[in-house]
């Protein structure tokens, strides 16, 4: 049995992309550069990477970090207003891992304030021994840094770790850290992602039990 299971957050633990789109569209409209194509190009990409590209392309005065922080502020307000749903089978899987003595961690490219809000809003924060977020690392996914740091914080090694990811960049980050990765594909966004490096792909979190 694996000793540690590491989860991405957006699109994995929670079905949050619709909320990200709302906050992203609000931000792009504020900046006067909204287009559907530009907004959709952010899917599966870290926010700082997205805003760095937008800042350069449109010559914005704010830097990518300030743009990212502002959008996360909008996103947190959207979550507080609308709520956010757990992905199918998440609670059951977390309960199974807890009773089995398996450590659980989060490795998300999103900022810590946002991830904390998500975990509290969905009532699952206490399941996780370690929460590692994008503002704690220098290199974002697909770089393995966030997974290496998460394992270090958890005192575990790659052979005893399982990752759960929904995006190409996240999957590559786990694989680059030598971790077995399970792909989670439960919505239309998955059609844009490459799950080929994954050990298996599931659409219900409860199916991950057999790989632990």
C-alpha atoms as a PDB file:
ATOM      1  CA  UNK A   1       0.000   0.000   0.000  1.00  0.00           C
ATOM      2  CA  UNK A   2       1.167   3.555  -0.731  1.00  0.00           C
ATOM      3  CA  UNK A   3       2.094   5.681   2.269  1.00  0.00           C
ATOM      4  CA  UNK A   4       1.190   9.056   0.751  1.00  0.00           C
ATOM      5  CA  UNK A   5      -1.432  10.225  -1.756  1.00  0.00           C
ATOM      6  CA  UNK A   6      -0.965  13.726  -3.175  1.00  0.00           C
ATOM      7  CA  UNK A   7      -3.852  15.600  -4.784  1.00  0.00           C
ATOM      8  CA  UNK A   8      -4.046  18.546  -7.103  1.00  0.00           C
ATOM      9  CA  UNK A   9      -6.983  20.819  -6.212  1.00  0.00           C
ATOM     10  CA  UNK A  10      -8.647  22.488  -9.194  1.00  0.00           C
ATOM     11  CA  UNK A  11     -10.383  19.968 -11.431  1.00  0.00           C
ATOM     12  CA  UNK A  12      -9.250  17.155  -9.139  1.00  0.00           C
ATOM     13  CA  UNK A  13     -10.519  17.553  -5.581  1.00  0.00           C
ATOM     14  CA  UNK A  14     -13.052  20.172  -6.674  1.00  0.00           C
ATOM     15  CA  UNK A  15     -14.957  21.041  -9.826  1.00  0.00           C
ATOM     16  CA  UNK A  16     -13.780  24.628  -9.841  1.00  0.00           C
ATOM     17  CA  UNK A  17     -12.976  25.533 -13.449  1.00  0.00           C
ATOM     18  CA  UNK A  18     -16.384  27.264 -13.958  1.00  0.00           C
ATOM     19  CA  UNK A  19     -15.523  29.528 -10.999  1.00  0.00           C
ATOM     20  CA  UNK A  20     -12.030  30.178 -12.350  1.00  0.00           C
ATOM     21  CA  UNK A  21     -13.577  31.214 -15.644  1.00  0.00           C
ATOM     22  CA  UNK A  22     -15.916  33.639 -13.885  1.00  0.00           C
ATOM     23  CA  UNK A  23     -13.070  35.286 -11.958  1.00  0.00           C
ATOM     24  CA  UNK A  24     -10.773  35.296 -14.991  1.00  0.00           C
ATOM     25  CA  UNK A  25     -13.441  36.911 -17.164  1.00  0.00           C
ATOM     26  CA  UNK A  26     -14.113  39.569 -14.525  1.00  0.00           C
ATOM     27  CA  UNK A  27     -10.388  40.339 -14.409  1.00  0.00           C
ATOM     28  CA  UNK A  28      -9.967  40.444 -18.195  1.00  0.00           C
ATOM     29  CA  UNK A  29     -12.977  42.743 -18.495  1.00  0.00           C
ATOM     30  CA  UNK A  30     -11.512  45.055 -15.839  1.00  0.00           C
ATOM     31  CA  UNK A  31      -8.353  45.242 -17.912  1.00  0.00           C
ATOM     32  CA  UNK A  32     -10.329  45.893 -21.107  1.00  0.00           C
ATOM     33  CA  UNK A  33      -8.838  42.897 -22.944  1.00  0.00           C
ATOM     34  CA  UNK A  34     -11.518  40.225 -22.596  1.00  0.00           C
ATOM     35  CA  UNK A  35     -11.962  37.639 -25.333  1.00  0.00           C
ATOM     36  CA  UNK A  36     -13.322  34.103 -25.076  1.00  0.00           C
ATOM     37  CA  UNK A  37     -10.249  32.699 -26.806  1.00  0.00           C
ATOM     38  CA  UNK A  38      -7.886  34.466 -24.403  1.00  0.00           C
ATOM     39  CA  UNK A  39      -9.866  33.290 -21.392  1.00  0.00           C
ATOM     40  CA  UNK A  40      -9.989  29.676 -22.580  1.00  0.00           C
ATOM     41  CA  UNK A  41      -6.226  29.653 -23.193  1.00  0.00           C
ATOM     42  CA  UNK A  42      -5.754  29.690 -19.402  1.00  0.00           C
ATOM     43  CA  UNK A  43      -7.237  26.215 -18.908  1.00  0.00           C
ATOM     44  CA  UNK A  44      -4.654  23.810 -17.517  1.00  0.00           C
ATOM     45  CA  UNK A  45      -2.056  26.579 -17.124  1.00  0.00           C
ATOM     46  CA  UNK A  46      -0.797  28.057 -13.855  1.00  0.00           C
ATOM     47  CA  UNK A  47      -2.239  31.514 -13.144  1.00  0.00           C
ATOM     48  CA  UNK A  48       1.146  33.212 -12.908  1.00  0.00           C
ATOM     49  CA  UNK A  49       2.199  31.704 -16.214  1.00  0.00           C
ATOM     50  CA  UNK A  50      -1.060  32.846 -17.809  1.00  0.00           C
ATOM     51  CA  UNK A  51      -0.849  36.381 -16.433  1.00  0.00           C
ATOM     52  CA  UNK A  52       2.835  36.665 -17.296  1.00  0.00           C
ATOM     53  CA  UNK A  53       1.979  35.909 -20.932  1.00  0.00           C
ATOM     54  CA  UNK A  54      -0.984  38.316 -20.914  1.00  0.00           C
ATOM     55  CA  UNK A  55       1.086  41.061 -19.261  1.00  0.00           C
ATOM     56  CA  UNK A  56       3.752  40.799 -21.941  1.00  0.00           C
ATOM     57  CA  UNK A  57       1.358  40.503 -24.886  1.00  0.00           C
ATOM     58  CA  UNK A  58      -0.767  43.476 -23.841  1.00  0.00           C
ATOM     59  CA  UNK A  59       1.907  45.609 -22.158  1.00  0.00           C
ATOM     60  CA  UNK A  60       0.000  45.803 -18.857  1.00  0.00           C
ATOM     61  CA  UNK A  61       1.406  48.026 -16.120  1.00  0.00           C
ATOM     62  CA  UNK A  62       0.796  45.486 -13.341  1.00  0.00           C
ATOM     63  CA  UNK A  63       3.266  42.597 -13.111  1.00  0.00           C
ATOM     64  CA  UNK A  64       2.150  38.983 -13.282  1.00  0.00           C
ATOM     65  CA  UNK A  65       2.298  38.509  -9.500  1.00  0.00           C
ATOM     66  CA  UNK A  66       0.001  41.482  -8.836  1.00  0.00           C
ATOM     67  CA  UNK A  67      -2.392  40.301 -11.557  1.00  0.00           C
ATOM     68  CA  UNK A  68      -2.432  36.801 -10.082  1.00  0.00           C
ATOM     69  CA  UNK A  69      -3.109  38.024  -6.554  1.00  0.00           C
ATOM     70  CA  UNK A  70      -5.943  40.262  -7.782  1.00  0.00           C
ATOM     71  CA  UNK A  71      -7.600  37.416  -9.669  1.00  0.00           C
ATOM     72  CA  UNK A  72      -7.314  35.095  -6.649  1.00  0.00           C
ATOM     73  CA  UNK A  73      -9.040  37.788  -4.557  1.00  0.00           C
ATOM     74  CA  UNK A  74     -11.886  37.843  -7.081  1.00  0.00           C
ATOM     75  CA  UNK A  75     -12.006  34.045  -7.120  1.00  0.00           C
ATOM     76  CA  UNK A  76     -12.246  33.775  -3.336  1.00  0.00           C
ATOM     77  CA  UNK A  77     -15.186  36.212  -3.400  1.00  0.00           C
ATOM     78  CA  UNK A  78     -16.880  34.094  -6.082  1.00  0.00           C
ATOM     79  CA  UNK A  79     -16.405  30.935  -3.996  1.00  0.00           C
ATOM     80  CA  UNK A  80     -17.838  32.590  -0.892  1.00  0.00           C
ATOM     81  CA  UNK A  81     -20.854  33.724  -2.898  1.00  0.00           C
ATOM     82  CA  UNK A  82     -21.513  30.565  -4.938  1.00  0.00           C
ATOM     83  CA  UNK A  83     -19.761  27.740  -3.100  1.00  0.00           C
ATOM     84  CA  UNK A  84     -17.783  24.973  -4.780  1.00  0.00           C
ATOM     85  CA  UNK A  85     -18.492  21.253  -5.236  1.00  0.00           C
ATOM     86  CA  UNK A  86     -16.251  18.329  -4.414  1.00  0.00           C
ATOM     87  CA  UNK A  87     -15.522  15.997  -7.306  1.00  0.00           C
ATOM     88  CA  UNK A  88     -17.387  12.675  -7.358  1.00  0.00           C
ATOM     89  CA  UNK A  89     -16.221  10.267  -4.680  1.00  0.00           C
ATOM     90  CA  UNK A  90     -13.723  12.591  -2.976  1.00  0.00           C
ATOM     91  CA  UNK A  91     -15.121  12.321   0.560  1.00  0.00           C
ATOM     92  CA  UNK A  92     -15.361   8.539   0.372  1.00  0.00           C
ATOM     93  CA  UNK A  93     -11.768   8.248  -0.875  1.00  0.00           C
ATOM     94  CA  UNK A  94     -10.430  10.567   1.813  1.00  0.00           C
ATOM     95  CA  UNK A  95     -12.249   8.579   4.502  1.00  0.00           C
ATOM     96  CA  UNK A  96     -10.800   5.324   3.141  1.00  0.00           C
ATOM     97  CA  UNK A  97      -7.265   6.758   3.170  1.00  0.00           C
ATOM     98  CA  UNK A  98      -7.725   8.130   6.677  1.00  0.00           C
ATOM     99  CA  UNK A  99      -8.928   4.825   8.123  1.00  0.00           C
ATOM    100  CA  UNK A 100      -6.135   3.004   6.257  1.00  0.00           C
ATOM    101  CA  UNK A 101      -3.457   5.222   7.807  1.00  0.00           C
ATOM    102  CA  UNK A 102      -2.367   6.706   4.472  1.00  0.00           C
ATOM    103  CA  UNK A 103      -1.038  10.265   4.587  1.00  0.00           C
ATOM    104  CA  UNK A 104      -2.741  12.824   2.354  1.00  0.00           C
ATOM    105  CA  UNK A 105      -1.254  15.992   0.897  1.00  0.00           C
ATOM    106  CA  UNK A 106      -2.113  18.764  -1.537  1.00  0.00           C
ATOM    107  CA  UNK A 107       0.244  19.949  -4.290  1.00  0.00           C
ATOM    108  CA  UNK A 108      -1.439  22.829  -6.086  1.00  0.00           C
ATOM    109  CA  UNK A 109      -0.081  25.541  -8.377  1.00  0.00           C
ATOM    110  CA  UNK A 110      -2.644  27.926  -6.872  1.00  0.00           C
ATOM    111  CA  UNK A 111      -1.810  30.313  -4.035  1.00  0.00           C
ATOM    112  CA  UNK A 112      -2.101  29.235  -0.412  1.00  0.00           C
ATOM    113  CA  UNK A 113      -4.867  31.688   0.530  1.00  0.00           C
ATOM    114  CA  UNK A 114      -7.074  30.316  -2.245  1.00  0.00           C
ATOM    115  CA  UNK A 115      -6.308  26.651  -1.525  1.00  0.00           C
ATOM    116  CA  UNK A 116      -7.031  27.193   2.168  1.00  0.00           C
ATOM    117  CA  UNK A 117     -10.368  28.786   1.257  1.00  0.00           C
ATOM    118  CA  UNK A 118     -11.269  25.812  -0.960  1.00  0.00           C
ATOM    119  CA  UNK A 119     -10.344  23.222   1.664  1.00  0.00           C
ATOM    120  CA  UNK A 120     -12.322  25.050   4.347  1.00  0.00           C
ATOM    121  CA  UNK A 121     -15.328  25.688   2.099  1.00  0.00           C
ATOM    122  CA  UNK A 122     -15.590  21.989   1.225  1.00  0.00           C
ATOM    123  CA  UNK A 123     -14.912  20.729   4.760  1.00  0.00           C
ATOM    124  CA  UNK A 124     -11.898  18.601   3.853  1.00  0.00           C
ATOM    125  CA  UNK A 125      -8.993  20.659   5.225  1.00  0.00           C
ATOM    126  CA  UNK A 126      -8.344  18.398   8.226  1.00  0.00           C
ATOM    127  CA  UNK A 127      -7.656  15.362   6.033  1.00  0.00           C
ATOM    128  CA  UNK A 128      -4.352  16.751   4.778  1.00  0.00           C
ATOM    129  CA  UNK A 129      -1.051  16.444   6.606  1.00  0.00           C
ATOM    130  CA  UNK A 130       0.729  18.761   4.156  1.00  0.00           C
ATOM    131  CA  UNK A 131      -0.487  21.524   1.837  1.00  0.00           C
ATOM    132  CA  UNK A 132       2.079  22.759  -0.691  1.00  0.00           C
ATOM    133  CA  UNK A 133       1.050  25.615  -2.986  1.00  0.00           C
ATOM    134  CA  UNK A 134       2.363  27.585  -5.922  1.00  0.00           C
ATOM    135  CA  UNK A 135       3.529  30.535  -3.855  1.00  0.00           C
ATOM    136  CA  UNK A 136       5.916  28.234  -1.954  1.00  0.00           C
ATOM    137  CA  UNK A 137       7.925  27.119  -4.986  1.00  0.00           C
ATOM    138  CA  UNK A 138      10.111  28.828  -7.569  1.00  0.00           C
ATOM    139  CA  UNK A 139       9.175  26.584 -10.477  1.00  0.00           C
ATOM    140  CA  UNK A 140       5.612  25.675 -11.404  1.00  0.00           C
ATOM    141  CA  UNK A 141       4.271  22.457 -12.885  1.00  0.00           C
ATOM    142  CA  UNK A 142       5.450  20.611 -15.025  1.00  0.00           C
ATOM    143  CA  UNK A 143       8.606  21.155 -12.979  1.00  0.00           C
ATOM    144  CA  UNK A 144       8.666  18.501 -10.211  1.00  0.00           C
ATOM    145  CA  UNK A 145       9.629  20.975  -7.464  1.00  0.00           C
ATOM    146  CA  UNK A 146       6.195  21.099  -5.830  1.00  0.00           C
ATOM    147  CA  UNK A 147       6.012  17.293  -5.642  1.00  0.00           C
ATOM    148  CA  UNK A 148       9.558  16.981  -4.349  1.00  0.00           C
ATOM    149  CA  UNK A 149       8.802  19.570  -1.664  1.00  0.00           C
ATOM    150  CA  UNK A 150       5.520  17.852  -0.752  1.00  0.00           C
ATOM    151  CA  UNK A 151       7.270  14.500  -0.301  1.00  0.00           C
ATOM    152  CA  UNK A 152      10.006  16.167   1.746  1.00  0.00           C
ATOM    153  CA  UNK A 153       7.442  17.824   4.036  1.00  0.00           C
ATOM    154  CA  UNK A 154       5.652  14.457   4.339  1.00  0.00           C
ATOM    155  CA  UNK A 155       8.847  12.474   4.999  1.00  0.00           C
ATOM    156  CA  UNK A 156       8.011  10.062   2.171  1.00  0.00           C
ATOM    157  CA  UNK A 157       9.696   8.984  -1.079  1.00  0.00           C
ATOM    158  CA  UNK A 158       8.443   8.622  -4.641  1.00  0.00           C
ATOM    159  CA  UNK A 159       8.024   4.833  -4.658  1.00  0.00           C
ATOM    160  CA  UNK A 160       5.615   5.091  -1.709  1.00  0.00           C
ATOM    161  CA  UNK A 161       3.664   8.026  -3.174  1.00  0.00           C
ATOM    162  CA  UNK A 162       0.685   8.266  -5.521  1.00  0.00           C
ATOM    163  CA  UNK A 163      -0.355  11.479  -7.284  1.00  0.00           C
ATOM    164  CA  UNK A 164      -3.811  12.407  -8.581  1.00  0.00           C
ATOM    165  CA  UNK A 165      -3.921  15.025 -11.334  1.00  0.00           C
ATOM    166  CA  UNK A 166      -6.316  16.282 -14.008  1.00  0.00           C
ATOM    167  CA  UNK A 167      -4.023  18.300 -16.299  1.00  0.00           C
ATOM    168  CA  UNK A 168      -1.087  17.655 -18.595  1.00  0.00           C
ATOM    169  CA  UNK A 169       1.212  19.972 -16.633  1.00  0.00           C
ATOM    170  CA  UNK A 170       0.281  18.417 -13.304  1.00  0.00           C
ATOM    171  CA  UNK A 171       0.681  14.887 -14.615  1.00  0.00           C
ATOM    172  CA  UNK A 172       4.129  15.730 -15.984  1.00  0.00           C
ATOM    173  CA  UNK A 173       5.139  17.309 -12.663  1.00  0.00           C
ATOM    174  CA  UNK A 174       4.289  14.094 -10.825  1.00  0.00           C
ATOM    175  CA  UNK A 175       5.955  11.859 -13.418  1.00  0.00           C
ATOM    176  CA  UNK A 176       9.048  14.100 -13.450  1.00  0.00           C
ATOM    177  CA  UNK A 177       9.245  13.523  -9.690  1.00  0.00           C
ATOM    178  CA  UNK A 178       9.179   9.744 -10.380  1.00  0.00           C
ATOM    179  CA  UNK A 179       5.727   9.400  -8.805  1.00  0.00           C
ATOM    180  CA  UNK A 180       3.017   7.094 -10.155  1.00  0.00           C
ATOM    181  CA  UNK A 181       0.148   9.294 -11.315  1.00  0.00           C
ATOM    182  CA  UNK A 182      -3.565   8.563 -11.632  1.00  0.00           C
ATOM    183  CA  UNK A 183      -5.399  10.845 -14.039  1.00  0.00           C
ATOM    184  CA  UNK A 184      -8.775  12.240 -13.015  1.00  0.00           C
ATOM    185  CA  UNK A 185     -10.998  13.044 -15.962  1.00  0.00           C
ATOM    186  CA  UNK A 186     -14.580  13.857 -15.059  1.00  0.00           C
ATOM    187  CA  UNK A 187     -15.554  16.696 -17.398  1.00  0.00           C
ATOM    188  CA  UNK A 188     -15.140  18.136 -20.886  1.00  0.00           C
ATOM    189  CA  UNK A 189     -11.894  19.887 -19.917  1.00  0.00           C
ATOM    190  CA  UNK A 190     -10.151  16.514 -19.933  1.00  0.00           C
ATOM    191  CA  UNK A 191     -10.344  16.345 -23.717  1.00  0.00           C
ATOM    192  CA  UNK A 192      -7.677  19.070 -23.842  1.00  0.00           C
ATOM    193  CA  UNK A 193      -5.250  17.176 -21.574  1.00  0.00           C
ATOM    194  CA  UNK A 194      -2.742  14.375 -22.194  1.00  0.00           C
ATOM    195  CA  UNK A 195      -3.317  11.467 -19.821  1.00  0.00           C
ATOM    196  CA  UNK A 196      -0.940   9.073 -21.573  1.00  0.00           C
ATOM    197  CA  UNK A 197       1.780   9.225 -18.853  1.00  0.00           C
ATOM    198  CA  UNK A 198      -0.748   8.113 -16.196  1.00  0.00           C
ATOM    199  CA  UNK A 199      -0.910   4.649 -14.686  1.00  0.00           C
ATOM    200  CA  UNK A 200      -4.688   4.791 -15.098  1.00  0.00           C
ATOM    201  CA  UNK A 201      -7.452   7.328 -15.666  1.00  0.00           C
ATOM    202  CA  UNK A 202     -10.619   7.465 -13.548  1.00  0.00           C
ATOM    203  CA  UNK A 203     -13.755   9.583 -13.476  1.00  0.00           C
ATOM    204  CA  UNK A 204     -14.779   8.701  -9.905  1.00  0.00           C
ATOM    205  CA  UNK A 205     -12.366   9.221  -7.005  1.00  0.00           C
ATOM    206  CA  UNK A 206     -13.550   6.031  -5.336  1.00  0.00           C
ATOM    207  CA  UNK A 207     -11.878   4.050  -8.130  1.00  0.00           C
ATOM    208  CA  UNK A 208      -8.464   5.221  -6.893  1.00  0.00           C
ATOM    209  CA  UNK A 209      -8.777   2.855  -3.906  1.00  0.00           C
ATOM    210  CA  UNK A 210      -7.561  -0.067  -6.033  1.00  0.00           C
ATOM    211  CA  UNK A 211      -4.295   1.740  -6.877  1.00  0.00           C
ATOM    212  CA  UNK A 212      -3.371   2.658  -3.318  1.00  0.00           C
END
